[in-house]
Structures are given as C-alpha cells and as structure tokens.
Amino acid sequence: MKLSVSILLVLAAVVIVECSHTFMGTSVQRPLVYHHNAQYSSKVFRKRIENLYYAMPAVPSNFGRVIQGILAFDLTFSGASANVTQGGIGYNFVNLRMKSDRGAKTNFDVYIYA
C-alpha cells in the first residue's frame, strides 16, 4: 500500500514539474543585463516561431564580460519551447528561438545575466 502511494506521488510530481521553462548557466551573484517580456499573438492552426537576438553593448565596462545565465519562463504554461540557436553561455550574444503550441500565443519572460 505504501509503495503504491509513493509511486503515485512521484508520478504526480513528474506531471506537475513538466513544463517548458528554459534555464541555462547561473544567475547566482550575477548582474541582470537584459530583461524582456516577449509576447506574440497566435496564428490559427499554426505554430508561432519567433527569434529574440541580444548582444551585449560594446562599451568599456563590458570588456571581457560574457553571458553567464539565460532564463526563459513560459508564462502561458503550455508546450511552448525556447532554445538557444547561436551564442549563449560563454559568448557576448545570444539568439533565442521561441516556438508556441499549435494555435496558441507565445509569452516568454526572458532574463539574461552576465
């Protein structure tokens, strides 16, 4: 009896945790250099694909700094996804590809740390 209850709780936790947030690198003790709420409307019967490009400004205070963390939160809590296609951790630029569910809007809260 206890074994079946334990298995049921583990399965429930897996179902609850399954989401499409993207976490790369670290944000601990790192300054936030970019924040953006990427909202795009839905397309009927199609998946919406958008790219977000960020490059660190070329100023003397950013010399030698690279991206240390990328967080992309899916605010629609759907099957949307966010993937890094260029740059990212260890680079001074990033291209983030965001894809929505079929017929759903895209709404990501993006944080970039250096």
N, C-alpha and C. Protein backbone atom coordinates (compact mmCIF):
# COMPACT_ATOMS: atom_id res chain seq x y z
N MET A 1 0.82 -1.19 0.00
CA MET A 1 0.00 0.00 0.00
C MET A 1 0.86 1.26 0.00
N LYS A 2 1.88 1.28 0.87
CA LYS A 2 2.75 2.45 0.94
C LYS A 2 3.55 2.62 -0.35
N LEU A 3 3.94 1.52 -0.96
CA LEU A 3 4.69 1.59 -2.21
C LEU A 3 3.86 2.21 -3.32
N SER A 4 2.60 1.85 -3.42
CA SER A 4 1.73 2.41 -4.46
C SER A 4 1.47 3.89 -4.22
N VAL A 5 1.36 4.29 -2.97
CA VAL A 5 1.16 5.71 -2.66
C VAL A 5 2.42 6.49 -3.02
N SER A 6 3.59 5.92 -2.74
CA SER A 6 4.85 6.58 -3.08
C SER A 6 5.00 6.73 -4.58
N ILE A 7 4.68 5.69 -5.32
CA ILE A 7 4.77 5.76 -6.78
C ILE A 7 3.80 6.79 -7.33
N LEU A 8 2.61 6.86 -6.79
CA LEU A 8 1.61 7.83 -7.22
C LEU A 8 2.10 9.25 -6.96
N LEU A 9 2.72 9.50 -5.82
CA LEU A 9 3.24 10.84 -5.52
C LEU A 9 4.38 11.22 -6.45
N VAL A 10 5.25 10.29 -6.77
CA VAL A 10 6.35 10.56 -7.69
C VAL A 10 5.81 10.88 -9.08
N LEU A 11 4.84 10.12 -9.55
CA LEU A 11 4.24 10.40 -10.86
C LEU A 11 3.54 11.74 -10.88
N ALA A 12 2.86 12.09 -9.79
CA ALA A 12 2.19 13.39 -9.71
C ALA A 12 3.22 14.52 -9.75
N ALA A 13 4.35 14.33 -9.08
CA ALA A 13 5.40 15.36 -9.10
C ALA A 13 5.98 15.51 -10.49
N VAL A 14 6.15 14.42 -11.21
CA VAL A 14 6.69 14.49 -12.58
C VAL A 14 5.72 15.23 -13.48
N VAL A 15 4.45 14.99 -13.35
CA VAL A 15 3.44 15.66 -14.17
C VAL A 15 3.39 17.15 -13.85
N ILE A 16 3.50 17.51 -12.58
CA ILE A 16 3.44 18.91 -12.18
C ILE A 16 4.69 19.66 -12.64
N VAL A 17 5.86 19.05 -12.57
CA VAL A 17 7.11 19.71 -12.90
C VAL A 17 7.30 19.85 -14.41
N GLU A 18 6.69 19.00 -15.21
CA GLU A 18 6.86 19.03 -16.66
C GLU A 18 6.34 20.35 -17.22
N CYS A 19 7.27 21.20 -17.65
CA CYS A 19 6.94 22.50 -18.20
C CYS A 19 7.98 22.85 -19.25
N SER A 20 7.86 24.01 -19.84
CA SER A 20 8.77 24.34 -20.93
C SER A 20 9.64 25.55 -20.61
N HIS A 21 9.96 25.76 -19.35
CA HIS A 21 10.88 26.83 -19.00
C HIS A 21 12.30 26.43 -19.41
N THR A 22 13.11 27.41 -19.78
CA THR A 22 14.49 27.14 -20.18
C THR A 22 15.43 27.81 -19.18
N PHE A 23 16.31 27.02 -18.57
CA PHE A 23 17.30 27.52 -17.63
C PHE A 23 18.67 27.09 -18.12
N MET A 24 19.57 28.04 -18.33
CA MET A 24 20.93 27.72 -18.76
C MET A 24 21.89 28.56 -17.94
N GLY A 25 22.99 27.97 -17.52
CA GLY A 25 24.00 28.71 -16.77
C GLY A 25 23.55 28.99 -15.36
N THR A 26 23.94 30.15 -14.84
CA THR A 26 23.61 30.51 -13.47
C THR A 26 23.24 31.99 -13.38
N SER A 27 22.40 32.29 -12.42
CA SER A 27 22.05 33.69 -12.15
C SER A 27 22.51 34.10 -10.76
N VAL A 28 23.16 33.19 -10.04
CA VAL A 28 23.60 33.46 -8.67
C VAL A 28 24.75 34.46 -8.68
N GLN A 29 24.59 35.55 -7.96
CA GLN A 29 25.61 36.60 -7.84
C GLN A 29 26.01 37.18 -9.19
N ARG A 30 25.12 37.19 -10.17
CA ARG A 30 25.40 37.75 -11.49
C ARG A 30 24.47 38.95 -11.72
N PRO A 31 24.97 40.02 -12.33
CA PRO A 31 24.10 41.16 -12.62
C PRO A 31 23.16 40.87 -13.80
N LEU A 32 21.94 41.32 -13.68
CA LEU A 32 20.97 41.20 -14.77
C LEU A 32 21.30 42.25 -15.82
N VAL A 33 21.56 41.82 -17.07
CA VAL A 33 21.92 42.77 -18.13
C VAL A 33 20.77 42.98 -19.12
N TYR A 34 19.79 42.07 -19.13
CA TYR A 34 18.70 42.21 -20.09
C TYR A 34 17.45 41.51 -19.57
N HIS A 35 16.31 42.17 -19.69
CA HIS A 35 15.02 41.58 -19.34
C HIS A 35 14.01 41.99 -20.41
N HIS A 36 13.24 41.01 -20.89
CA HIS A 36 12.26 41.30 -21.94
C HIS A 36 11.09 40.35 -21.79
N ASN A 37 9.88 40.89 -21.96
CA ASN A 37 8.68 40.06 -21.98
C ASN A 37 8.26 39.93 -23.44
N ALA A 38 8.53 38.76 -24.03
CA ALA A 38 8.26 38.52 -25.45
C ALA A 38 6.85 37.97 -25.59
N GLN A 39 5.94 38.81 -26.08
CA GLN A 39 4.55 38.42 -26.30
C GLN A 39 4.22 38.53 -27.78
N TYR A 40 3.67 37.43 -28.31
CA TYR A 40 3.27 37.41 -29.70
C TYR A 40 1.90 36.73 -29.79
N SER A 41 1.05 37.22 -30.67
CA SER A 41 -0.28 36.65 -30.82
C SER A 41 -0.22 35.29 -31.50
N SER A 42 -1.33 34.58 -31.46
CA SER A 42 -1.37 33.24 -32.03
C SER A 42 -1.67 33.30 -33.53
N LYS A 43 -1.34 32.19 -34.20
CA LYS A 43 -1.69 32.00 -35.60
C LYS A 43 -2.63 30.79 -35.65
N VAL A 44 -3.70 30.92 -36.40
CA VAL A 44 -4.70 29.87 -36.46
C VAL A 44 -4.12 28.60 -37.07
N PHE A 45 -4.22 27.48 -36.34
CA PHE A 45 -3.76 26.15 -36.77
C PHE A 45 -2.27 26.07 -37.08
N ARG A 46 -1.47 27.04 -36.61
CA ARG A 46 -0.04 27.03 -36.89
C ARG A 46 0.74 27.29 -35.62
N LYS A 47 2.00 26.87 -35.62
CA LYS A 47 2.90 27.18 -34.52
C LYS A 47 3.58 28.50 -34.81
N ARG A 48 3.66 29.35 -33.81
CA ARG A 48 4.32 30.64 -33.98
C ARG A 48 5.78 30.49 -33.58
N ILE A 49 6.70 30.89 -34.47
CA ILE A 49 8.13 30.82 -34.21
C ILE A 49 8.71 32.23 -34.31
N GLU A 50 9.34 32.67 -33.23
CA GLU A 50 9.96 33.99 -33.18
C GLU A 50 11.38 33.87 -32.64
N ASN A 51 12.25 34.76 -33.07
CA ASN A 51 13.63 34.80 -32.60
C ASN A 51 13.87 36.07 -31.81
N LEU A 52 14.58 35.95 -30.71
CA LEU A 52 14.99 37.09 -29.90
C LEU A 52 16.50 37.14 -29.92
N TYR A 53 17.07 38.22 -30.41
CA TYR A 53 18.52 38.37 -30.50
C TYR A 53 18.96 39.43 -29.51
N TYR A 54 19.97 39.12 -28.71
CA TYR A 54 20.54 40.09 -27.78
C TYR A 54 22.05 40.03 -27.89
N ALA A 55 22.67 41.20 -28.00
CA ALA A 55 24.13 41.32 -28.00
C ALA A 55 24.51 42.35 -26.93
N MET A 56 25.51 42.02 -26.13
CA MET A 56 25.95 42.94 -25.09
C MET A 56 26.55 44.17 -25.76
N PRO A 57 26.23 45.37 -25.27
CA PRO A 57 26.76 46.58 -25.87
C PRO A 57 28.28 46.63 -25.79
N ALA A 58 28.89 47.17 -26.82
CA ALA A 58 30.35 47.27 -26.88
C ALA A 58 30.80 48.56 -26.20
N VAL A 59 30.79 48.57 -24.88
CA VAL A 59 31.24 49.71 -24.09
C VAL A 59 32.39 49.23 -23.20
N PRO A 60 33.26 50.13 -22.76
CA PRO A 60 34.42 49.71 -21.96
C PRO A 60 34.05 48.92 -20.69
N SER A 61 32.90 49.20 -20.09
CA SER A 61 32.53 48.48 -18.86
C SER A 61 32.17 47.01 -19.13
N ASN A 62 31.85 46.67 -20.38
CA ASN A 62 31.51 45.28 -20.73
C ASN A 62 32.69 44.52 -21.32
N PHE A 63 33.88 45.11 -21.34
CA PHE A 63 35.03 44.45 -21.94
C PHE A 63 35.35 43.16 -21.19
N GLY A 64 35.37 42.04 -21.91
CA GLY A 64 35.70 40.76 -21.31
C GLY A 64 34.53 40.06 -20.63
N ARG A 65 33.36 40.67 -20.60
CA ARG A 65 32.20 40.04 -19.96
C ARG A 65 31.46 39.18 -20.97
N VAL A 66 30.95 38.06 -20.49
CA VAL A 66 30.18 37.15 -21.34
C VAL A 66 28.89 36.79 -20.60
N ILE A 67 27.98 36.19 -21.34
CA ILE A 67 26.70 35.77 -20.76
C ILE A 67 26.94 34.56 -19.86
N GLN A 68 26.45 34.65 -18.63
CA GLN A 68 26.62 33.59 -17.64
C GLN A 68 25.34 32.81 -17.39
N GLY A 69 24.18 33.42 -17.67
CA GLY A 69 22.92 32.74 -17.40
C GLY A 69 21.81 33.23 -18.29
N ILE A 70 20.94 32.31 -18.70
CA ILE A 70 19.77 32.63 -19.52
C ILE A 70 18.57 31.94 -18.90
N LEU A 71 17.53 32.69 -18.61
CA LEU A 71 16.29 32.12 -18.08
C LEU A 71 15.15 32.57 -18.98
N ALA A 72 14.36 31.64 -19.45
CA ALA A 72 13.19 31.94 -20.28
C ALA A 72 11.99 31.23 -19.67
N PHE A 73 11.09 31.99 -19.05
CA PHE A 73 9.91 31.43 -18.40
C PHE A 73 8.73 31.48 -19.35
N ASP A 74 8.06 30.34 -19.54
CA ASP A 74 6.86 30.27 -20.35
C ASP A 74 5.68 30.71 -19.49
N LEU A 75 5.14 31.90 -19.73
CA LEU A 75 4.05 32.42 -18.92
C LEU A 75 2.69 31.86 -19.32
N THR A 76 2.61 31.12 -20.43
CA THR A 76 1.34 30.50 -20.82
C THR A 76 1.20 29.10 -20.24
N PHE A 77 2.29 28.55 -19.68
CA PHE A 77 2.31 27.20 -19.10
C PHE A 77 1.76 26.17 -20.08
N SER A 78 2.21 26.28 -21.32
CA SER A 78 1.79 25.35 -22.38
C SER A 78 3.00 24.55 -22.84
N GLY A 79 2.90 23.95 -23.98
CA GLY A 79 4.01 23.17 -24.53
C GLY A 79 4.97 23.99 -25.36
N ALA A 80 4.99 25.31 -25.16
CA ALA A 80 5.90 26.17 -25.90
C ALA A 80 7.34 25.86 -25.50
N SER A 81 8.29 26.20 -26.37
CA SER A 81 9.69 25.92 -26.08
C SER A 81 10.56 27.11 -26.46
N ALA A 82 11.70 27.22 -25.78
CA ALA A 82 12.69 28.25 -26.08
C ALA A 82 14.05 27.56 -26.15
N ASN A 83 14.76 27.76 -27.25
CA ASN A 83 16.07 27.12 -27.46
C ASN A 83 17.08 28.15 -27.91
N VAL A 84 18.33 27.97 -27.49
CA VAL A 84 19.42 28.84 -27.94
C VAL A 84 19.94 28.27 -29.26
N THR A 85 19.93 29.10 -30.31
CA THR A 85 20.38 28.64 -31.63
C THR A 85 21.77 29.17 -31.97
N GLN A 86 22.17 30.31 -31.40
CA GLN A 86 23.51 30.86 -31.61
C GLN A 86 23.98 31.52 -30.33
N GLY A 87 25.28 31.52 -30.10
CA GLY A 87 25.84 32.19 -28.94
C GLY A 87 25.41 31.50 -27.66
N GLY A 88 25.11 32.29 -26.65
CA GLY A 88 24.65 31.76 -25.37
C GLY A 88 25.70 31.87 -24.29
N ILE A 89 25.78 30.84 -23.44
CA ILE A 89 26.70 30.84 -22.31
C ILE A 89 28.15 30.88 -22.83
N GLY A 90 28.91 31.84 -22.32
CA GLY A 90 30.31 31.98 -22.73
C GLY A 90 30.51 32.92 -23.90
N TYR A 91 29.45 33.42 -24.48
CA TYR A 91 29.52 34.36 -25.60
C TYR A 91 28.96 35.71 -25.15
N ASN A 92 29.16 36.74 -25.96
CA ASN A 92 28.59 38.04 -25.63
C ASN A 92 27.31 38.32 -26.42
N PHE A 93 26.72 37.31 -27.04
CA PHE A 93 25.46 37.45 -27.75
C PHE A 93 24.67 36.15 -27.62
N VAL A 94 23.38 36.22 -27.90
CA VAL A 94 22.54 35.03 -27.87
C VAL A 94 21.38 35.22 -28.84
N ASN A 95 21.00 34.14 -29.51
CA ASN A 95 19.81 34.11 -30.35
C ASN A 95 18.89 33.05 -29.75
N LEU A 96 17.74 33.47 -29.27
CA LEU A 96 16.79 32.59 -28.61
C LEU A 96 15.60 32.35 -29.53
N ARG A 97 15.35 31.08 -29.86
CA ARG A 97 14.24 30.71 -30.75
C ARG A 97 13.07 30.25 -29.88
N MET A 98 11.94 30.94 -29.99
CA MET A 98 10.75 30.63 -29.20
C MET A 98 9.67 30.07 -30.11
N LYS A 99 9.10 28.93 -29.72
CA LYS A 99 8.08 28.28 -30.52
C LYS A 99 6.88 27.98 -29.64
N SER A 100 5.68 28.34 -30.12
CA SER A 100 4.45 28.14 -29.35
C SER A 100 3.80 26.80 -29.70
N ASP A 101 2.79 26.46 -28.94
CA ASP A 101 1.93 25.34 -29.31
C ASP A 101 1.12 25.72 -30.54
N ARG A 102 0.57 24.73 -31.19
CA ARG A 102 -0.25 24.98 -32.38
C ARG A 102 -1.50 25.78 -31.98
N GLY A 103 -1.65 26.95 -32.61
CA GLY A 103 -2.82 27.80 -32.37
C GLY A 103 -2.78 28.57 -31.07
N ALA A 104 -1.65 28.60 -30.37
CA ALA A 104 -1.55 29.29 -29.08
C ALA A 104 -0.62 30.49 -29.20
N LYS A 105 -0.80 31.44 -28.30
CA LYS A 105 0.08 32.61 -28.31
C LYS A 105 1.41 32.28 -27.64
N THR A 106 2.40 33.14 -27.85
CA THR A 106 3.72 32.99 -27.26
C THR A 106 3.90 34.09 -26.23
N ASN A 107 4.31 33.71 -25.02
CA ASN A 107 4.53 34.68 -23.96
C ASN A 107 5.66 34.18 -23.07
N PHE A 108 6.87 34.70 -23.28
CA PHE A 108 8.04 34.32 -22.51
C PHE A 108 8.59 35.52 -21.77
N ASP A 109 9.03 35.30 -20.54
CA ASP A 109 9.72 36.30 -19.75
C ASP A 109 11.20 35.90 -19.78
N VAL A 110 12.03 36.71 -20.44
CA VAL A 110 13.44 36.36 -20.70
C VAL A 110 14.36 37.21 -19.83
N TYR A 111 15.28 36.53 -19.13
CA TYR A 111 16.30 37.19 -18.30
C TYR A 111 17.67 36.72 -18.79
N ILE A 112 18.62 37.68 -18.93
CA ILE A 112 19.99 37.34 -19.31
C ILE A 112 20.93 37.96 -18.28
N TYR A 113 21.83 37.13 -17.77
CA TYR A 113 22.79 37.54 -16.74
C TYR A 113 24.20 37.47 -17.27
N ALA A 114 25.06 38.42 -16.83
CA ALA A 114 26.46 38.43 -17.25
C ALA A 114 27.37 38.28 -16.06
